[in-house]
Amino acid sequence: MSTYALSDCWTMTRRELAHWARQPVQVLVLLVFPVMLLLMFGYLIGGGRGVAGSYVDFLVPGMLALTMAFGLEGTMLAVTQDLNKGVIDRFRAMPMANGAVLVGRCTADMLQSAVGLAVLIGVGHAIGWRAHGTPGAFLGAVGLLLLFRFAMLWIGIHLAMVAGKPEMVQAVQILVWPVGFLSNAFATPGSMPSWLGTAVEWNPMSQTATAVRDLFGGPGGEPGHVGAAVLWPLALVAVFFPLAVRRFARLSR
């Protein structure tokens, strides 16, 4: 990517970051929602079926992975609103690199996701969760979580352009919930019916959660899942990134 294109992408990123200052409530909700889920499942609902060890140590990594799958509606709404308000047409009239709008939106979301991870890790630490692995393993786990978020973002961006209108985003976002909850975020696959446990094990989010648990040194982690936790997101990016860029190019003609 040329310096000119990078400059355009950074300009679009700063545009998205400026929205944070104008929409602080929306940003706060995105940060608080996963914290509420963590506290609800950790204390109100409880759980731990099939978990050997502390349920909090099992739950927190699962919630970190789940958070990377949720919260895509902000990015999806921003894309559809730009399309419907003619913002894309105005950008198209400028000497701007193709796709800079999408890259800028993705970069801003990744920054927000990193902040959300830090907040949830802090809350997890406050309720007794501890990472027992090495500092390198801890950073590796965070890297896997952000890689999964990166893949989910490009799926969301592509689906947003397919939906076309902001009011359709909520319907598309509903599809994320089965993916999130049909995973090992809250319970082990072994505690489920065999057919359901098999589906859960194949869920890319389950692969990330299992690998992260292993790197954190907590219950539910299994060696050998790091490779799958890398390959699944890369495969999803390889499919949906070109689809999103191609569709954006067609919309911008």
Protein backbone atom coordinates (compact mmCIF):
# COMPACT_ATOMS: atom_id res chain seq x y z
CA MET A 1 0.00 0.00 0.00
CA SER A 2 1.41 3.39 -1.01
CA THR A 3 2.05 6.26 1.38
CA TYR A 4 -0.80 8.14 -0.29
CA ALA A 5 -3.23 5.30 0.37
CA LEU A 6 -2.05 4.96 3.98
CA SER A 7 -2.62 8.69 4.49
CA ASP A 8 -6.18 8.34 3.17
CA CYS A 9 -6.84 5.38 5.45
CA TRP A 10 -5.55 7.29 8.47
CA THR A 11 -7.74 10.28 7.56
CA MET A 12 -10.78 8.00 7.50
CA THR A 13 -9.70 6.44 10.80
CA ARG A 14 -9.51 9.86 12.45
CA ARG A 15 -12.98 10.63 11.08
CA GLU A 16 -14.37 7.54 12.79
CA LEU A 17 -12.52 8.27 16.03
CA ALA A 18 -14.02 11.78 16.04
CA HIS A 19 -17.45 10.16 16.17
CA TRP A 20 -16.54 8.74 19.59
CA ALA A 21 -16.45 12.24 21.10
CA ARG A 22 -19.88 13.03 19.59
CA GLN A 23 -21.42 9.69 20.61
CA PRO A 24 -19.99 8.91 24.07
CA VAL A 25 -23.12 7.02 25.20
CA GLN A 26 -22.86 4.56 22.32
CA VAL A 27 -19.19 3.92 23.10
CA LEU A 28 -20.00 3.46 26.79
CA VAL A 29 -22.76 0.95 26.01
CA LEU A 30 -20.40 -1.11 23.86
CA LEU A 31 -17.91 -1.23 26.74
CA VAL A 32 -20.46 -1.94 29.49
CA PHE A 33 -22.54 -4.62 27.72
CA PRO A 34 -19.87 -7.38 27.81
CA VAL A 35 -19.09 -6.47 31.43
CA MET A 36 -22.76 -6.98 32.28
CA LEU A 37 -22.74 -10.37 30.53
CA LEU A 38 -19.62 -11.41 32.43
CA LEU A 39 -21.07 -10.46 35.80
CA MET A 40 -24.44 -12.00 34.96
CA PHE A 41 -23.04 -15.39 33.96
CA GLY A 42 -20.39 -15.32 36.66
CA TYR A 43 -22.69 -14.48 39.57
CA LEU A 44 -26.40 -14.39 38.68
CA ILE A 45 -26.72 -17.43 36.42
CA GLY A 46 -23.58 -19.29 37.43
CA GLY A 47 -22.69 -22.45 35.55
CA GLY A 48 -19.58 -24.49 35.15
CA ARG A 49 -21.06 -27.76 33.95
CA GLY A 50 -18.16 -29.98 33.00
CA VAL A 51 -15.54 -27.43 34.07
CA ALA A 52 -12.64 -28.81 36.09
CA GLY A 53 -11.48 -25.87 38.16
CA SER A 54 -12.58 -22.29 38.73
CA TYR A 55 -15.58 -21.33 36.60
CA VAL A 56 -14.42 -17.70 36.57
CA ASP A 57 -11.09 -18.79 35.06
CA PHE A 58 -13.09 -20.70 32.43
CA LEU A 59 -15.67 -17.98 31.83
CA VAL A 60 -13.49 -14.88 31.40
CA PRO A 61 -11.55 -16.15 28.34
CA GLY A 62 -14.84 -17.32 26.82
CA MET A 63 -16.36 -13.89 27.38
CA LEU A 64 -13.32 -12.24 25.81
CA ALA A 65 -13.84 -14.35 22.67
CA LEU A 66 -17.59 -13.69 22.71
CA THR A 67 -16.99 -9.94 22.94
CA MET A 68 -14.91 -10.11 19.77
CA ALA A 69 -17.92 -11.55 17.94
CA PHE A 70 -20.48 -9.10 19.35
CA GLY A 71 -20.76 -5.33 18.92
CA LEU A 72 -20.47 -5.33 15.13
CA GLU A 73 -23.65 -3.29 14.70
CA GLY A 74 -21.78 -0.02 15.27
CA THR A 75 -19.51 -0.64 12.30
CA MET A 76 -22.35 -2.04 10.19
CA LEU A 77 -24.57 0.96 10.92
CA ALA A 78 -21.77 3.40 10.12
CA VAL A 79 -21.18 1.76 6.73
CA THR A 80 -24.87 1.68 5.78
CA GLN A 81 -25.45 5.26 6.95
CA ASP A 82 -22.53 6.53 4.87
CA LEU A 83 -23.96 4.70 1.87
CA ASN A 84 -27.49 6.04 2.32
CA LYS A 85 -26.59 9.63 3.23
CA GLY A 86 -24.44 10.14 0.15
CA VAL A 87 -21.20 10.39 2.15
CA ILE A 88 -19.60 7.74 -0.02
CA ASP A 89 -20.52 9.75 -3.14
CA ARG A 90 -18.78 12.81 -1.70
CA PHE A 91 -15.68 10.80 -0.85
CA ARG A 92 -15.75 9.32 -4.34
CA ALA A 93 -15.50 12.82 -5.79
CA MET A 94 -12.25 13.35 -3.88
CA PRO A 95 -8.81 12.06 -4.89
CA MET A 96 -8.95 9.23 -2.36
CA ALA A 97 -7.63 5.67 -2.45
CA ASN A 98 -10.35 3.10 -3.11
CA GLY A 99 -11.33 1.26 0.08
CA ALA A 100 -9.85 3.87 2.45
CA VAL A 101 -13.29 4.38 4.00
CA LEU A 102 -13.59 0.68 4.85
CA VAL A 103 -10.03 0.40 6.15
CA GLY A 104 -10.49 3.51 8.30
CA ARG A 105 -13.70 2.15 9.76
CA CYS A 106 -12.05 -1.22 10.44
CA THR A 107 -9.02 0.41 12.10
CA ALA A 108 -11.21 2.52 14.40
CA ASP A 109 -13.23 -0.54 15.39
CA MET A 110 -10.05 -2.50 16.15
CA LEU A 111 -8.88 0.31 18.44
CA GLN A 112 -12.22 0.28 20.23
CA SER A 113 -12.05 -3.52 20.49
CA ALA A 114 -8.62 -3.28 22.10
CA VAL A 115 -10.02 -0.84 24.66
CA GLY A 116 -12.97 -3.17 25.28
CA LEU A 117 -10.61 -6.10 25.84
CA ALA A 118 -8.58 -4.08 28.34
CA VAL A 119 -11.75 -3.11 30.25
CA LEU A 120 -13.07 -6.69 30.36
CA ILE A 121 -9.68 -8.08 31.40
CA GLY A 122 -9.60 -5.51 34.20
CA VAL A 123 -13.09 -6.48 35.38
CA GLY A 124 -12.16 -10.17 35.17
CA HIS A 125 -9.12 -9.51 37.33
CA ALA A 126 -11.31 -7.65 39.83
CA ILE A 127 -13.65 -10.65 40.24
CA GLY A 128 -10.80 -13.10 40.75
CA TRP A 129 -9.69 -14.24 37.29
CA ARG A 130 -5.95 -14.67 36.79
CA ALA A 131 -3.83 -15.49 33.77
CA HIS A 132 -1.40 -18.22 34.80
CA GLY A 133 0.67 -18.33 31.60
CA THR A 134 3.79 -16.40 30.67
CA PRO A 135 3.69 -12.75 29.54
CA GLY A 136 4.40 -13.95 26.01
CA ALA A 137 1.47 -16.37 26.17
CA PHE A 138 -0.75 -13.56 27.49
CA LEU A 139 0.15 -11.33 24.54
CA GLY A 140 -0.37 -14.26 22.18
CA ALA A 141 -3.87 -14.78 23.58
CA VAL A 142 -4.73 -11.10 23.11
CA GLY A 143 -3.38 -11.33 19.56
CA LEU A 144 -5.64 -14.30 18.80
CA LEU A 145 -8.65 -12.42 20.15
CA LEU A 146 -7.94 -9.36 18.02
CA LEU A 147 -7.33 -11.55 14.97
CA PHE A 148 -10.75 -13.12 15.47
CA ARG A 149 -12.28 -9.64 15.80
CA PHE A 150 -10.56 -8.58 12.57
CA ALA A 151 -12.15 -11.49 10.73
CA MET A 152 -15.59 -10.81 12.21
CA LEU A 153 -15.31 -7.15 11.19
CA TRP A 154 -14.90 -7.94 7.51
CA ILE A 155 -17.84 -10.32 7.67
CA GLY A 156 -19.87 -7.51 9.25
CA ILE A 157 -18.75 -4.90 6.72
CA HIS A 158 -19.65 -7.18 3.81
CA LEU A 159 -23.05 -8.03 5.32
CA ALA A 160 -23.71 -4.34 5.97
CA MET A 161 -23.27 -3.53 2.31
CA VAL A 162 -25.44 -6.50 1.37
CA ALA A 163 -28.15 -5.26 3.76
CA GLY A 164 -27.85 -1.80 2.27
CA LYS A 165 -30.03 0.04 4.80
CA PRO A 166 -29.49 0.81 8.51
CA GLU A 167 -32.85 -0.70 9.46
CA MET A 168 -31.73 -4.04 8.00
CA VAL A 169 -28.58 -4.17 10.14
CA GLN A 170 -30.47 -5.33 13.22
CA ALA A 171 -31.89 -8.28 11.29
CA VAL A 172 -28.43 -9.23 10.04
CA GLN A 173 -26.90 -8.73 13.51
CA ILE A 174 -29.31 -11.33 14.94
CA LEU A 175 -27.33 -13.93 12.98
CA VAL A 176 -24.31 -13.24 15.22
CA TRP A 177 -26.12 -14.45 18.36
CA PRO A 178 -26.36 -18.13 17.36
CA VAL A 179 -22.67 -18.10 16.42
CA GLY A 180 -21.78 -16.56 19.78
CA PHE A 181 -23.89 -18.75 22.01
CA LEU A 182 -23.39 -21.96 20.00
CA SER A 183 -19.86 -22.07 21.39
CA ASN A 184 -17.91 -23.13 24.48
CA ALA A 185 -17.95 -19.61 25.95
CA PHE A 186 -20.13 -20.64 28.91
CA ALA A 187 -19.98 -24.45 29.07
CA THR A 188 -17.81 -27.30 27.83
CA PRO A 189 -18.88 -29.26 24.73
CA GLY A 190 -18.65 -32.46 26.80
CA SER A 191 -21.54 -31.29 28.99
CA MET A 192 -23.81 -30.95 25.92
CA PRO A 193 -25.61 -33.56 23.79
CA SER A 194 -23.10 -35.20 21.46
CA TRP A 195 -24.51 -33.68 18.26
CA LEU A 196 -24.54 -30.19 19.80
CA GLY A 197 -21.08 -30.59 21.31
CA THR A 198 -19.69 -31.51 17.88
CA ALA A 199 -21.18 -28.37 16.31
CA VAL A 200 -19.81 -26.27 19.17
CA GLU A 201 -16.31 -27.68 18.75
CA TRP A 202 -16.32 -26.72 15.05
CA ASN A 203 -17.34 -23.15 15.79
CA PRO A 204 -14.37 -20.83 14.98
CA MET A 205 -15.11 -18.87 18.15
CA SER A 206 -14.77 -22.06 20.20
CA GLN A 207 -11.35 -22.66 18.66
CA THR A 208 -10.27 -19.16 19.68
CA ALA A 209 -11.71 -19.52 23.20
CA THR A 210 -10.01 -22.91 23.71
CA ALA A 211 -6.66 -21.62 22.47
CA VAL A 212 -6.92 -18.51 24.64
CA ARG A 213 -7.75 -20.59 27.71
CA ASP A 214 -4.70 -22.72 27.05
CA LEU A 215 -2.44 -19.66 26.68
CA PHE A 216 -3.88 -18.16 29.87
CA GLY A 217 -3.23 -21.45 31.66
CA GLY A 218 -6.82 -21.87 32.82
CA PRO A 219 -9.39 -24.69 32.75
CA GLY A 220 -10.87 -25.65 29.40
CA GLY A 221 -7.68 -24.99 27.49
CA GLU A 222 -6.30 -27.68 25.22
CA PRO A 223 -2.88 -27.65 23.51
CA GLY A 224 -2.92 -27.71 19.73
CA HIS A 225 -5.79 -25.28 19.16
CA VAL A 226 -3.63 -22.22 18.48
CA GLY A 227 -3.12 -23.25 14.86
CA ALA A 228 -6.88 -23.56 14.28
CA ALA A 229 -7.45 -20.25 16.10
CA VAL A 230 -5.12 -18.62 13.57
CA LEU A 231 -6.24 -20.46 10.43
CA TRP A 232 -9.99 -19.98 10.92
CA PRO A 233 -9.85 -16.14 11.08
CA LEU A 234 -7.33 -15.98 8.23
CA ALA A 235 -9.62 -18.14 6.10
CA LEU A 236 -12.59 -15.90 6.91
CA VAL A 237 -10.59 -12.77 6.06
CA ALA A 238 -9.42 -14.39 2.80
CA VAL A 239 -13.07 -14.88 1.83
CA PHE A 240 -14.82 -11.76 3.13
CA PHE A 241 -12.16 -9.07 2.70
CA PRO A 242 -12.10 -9.34 -1.12
CA LEU A 243 -15.89 -9.72 -1.17
CA ALA A 244 -16.27 -6.50 0.85
CA VAL A 245 -13.77 -4.56 -1.25
CA ARG A 246 -15.35 -5.80 -4.51
CA ARG A 247 -18.85 -4.89 -3.38
CA PHE A 248 -17.68 -1.48 -2.18
CA ALA A 249 -16.07 -0.85 -5.56
CA ARG A 250 -19.33 -1.71 -7.30
CA LEU A 251 -21.32 0.56 -4.98
CA SER A 252 -18.89 3.41 -5.63
CA ARG A 253 -19.26 3.40 -9.41
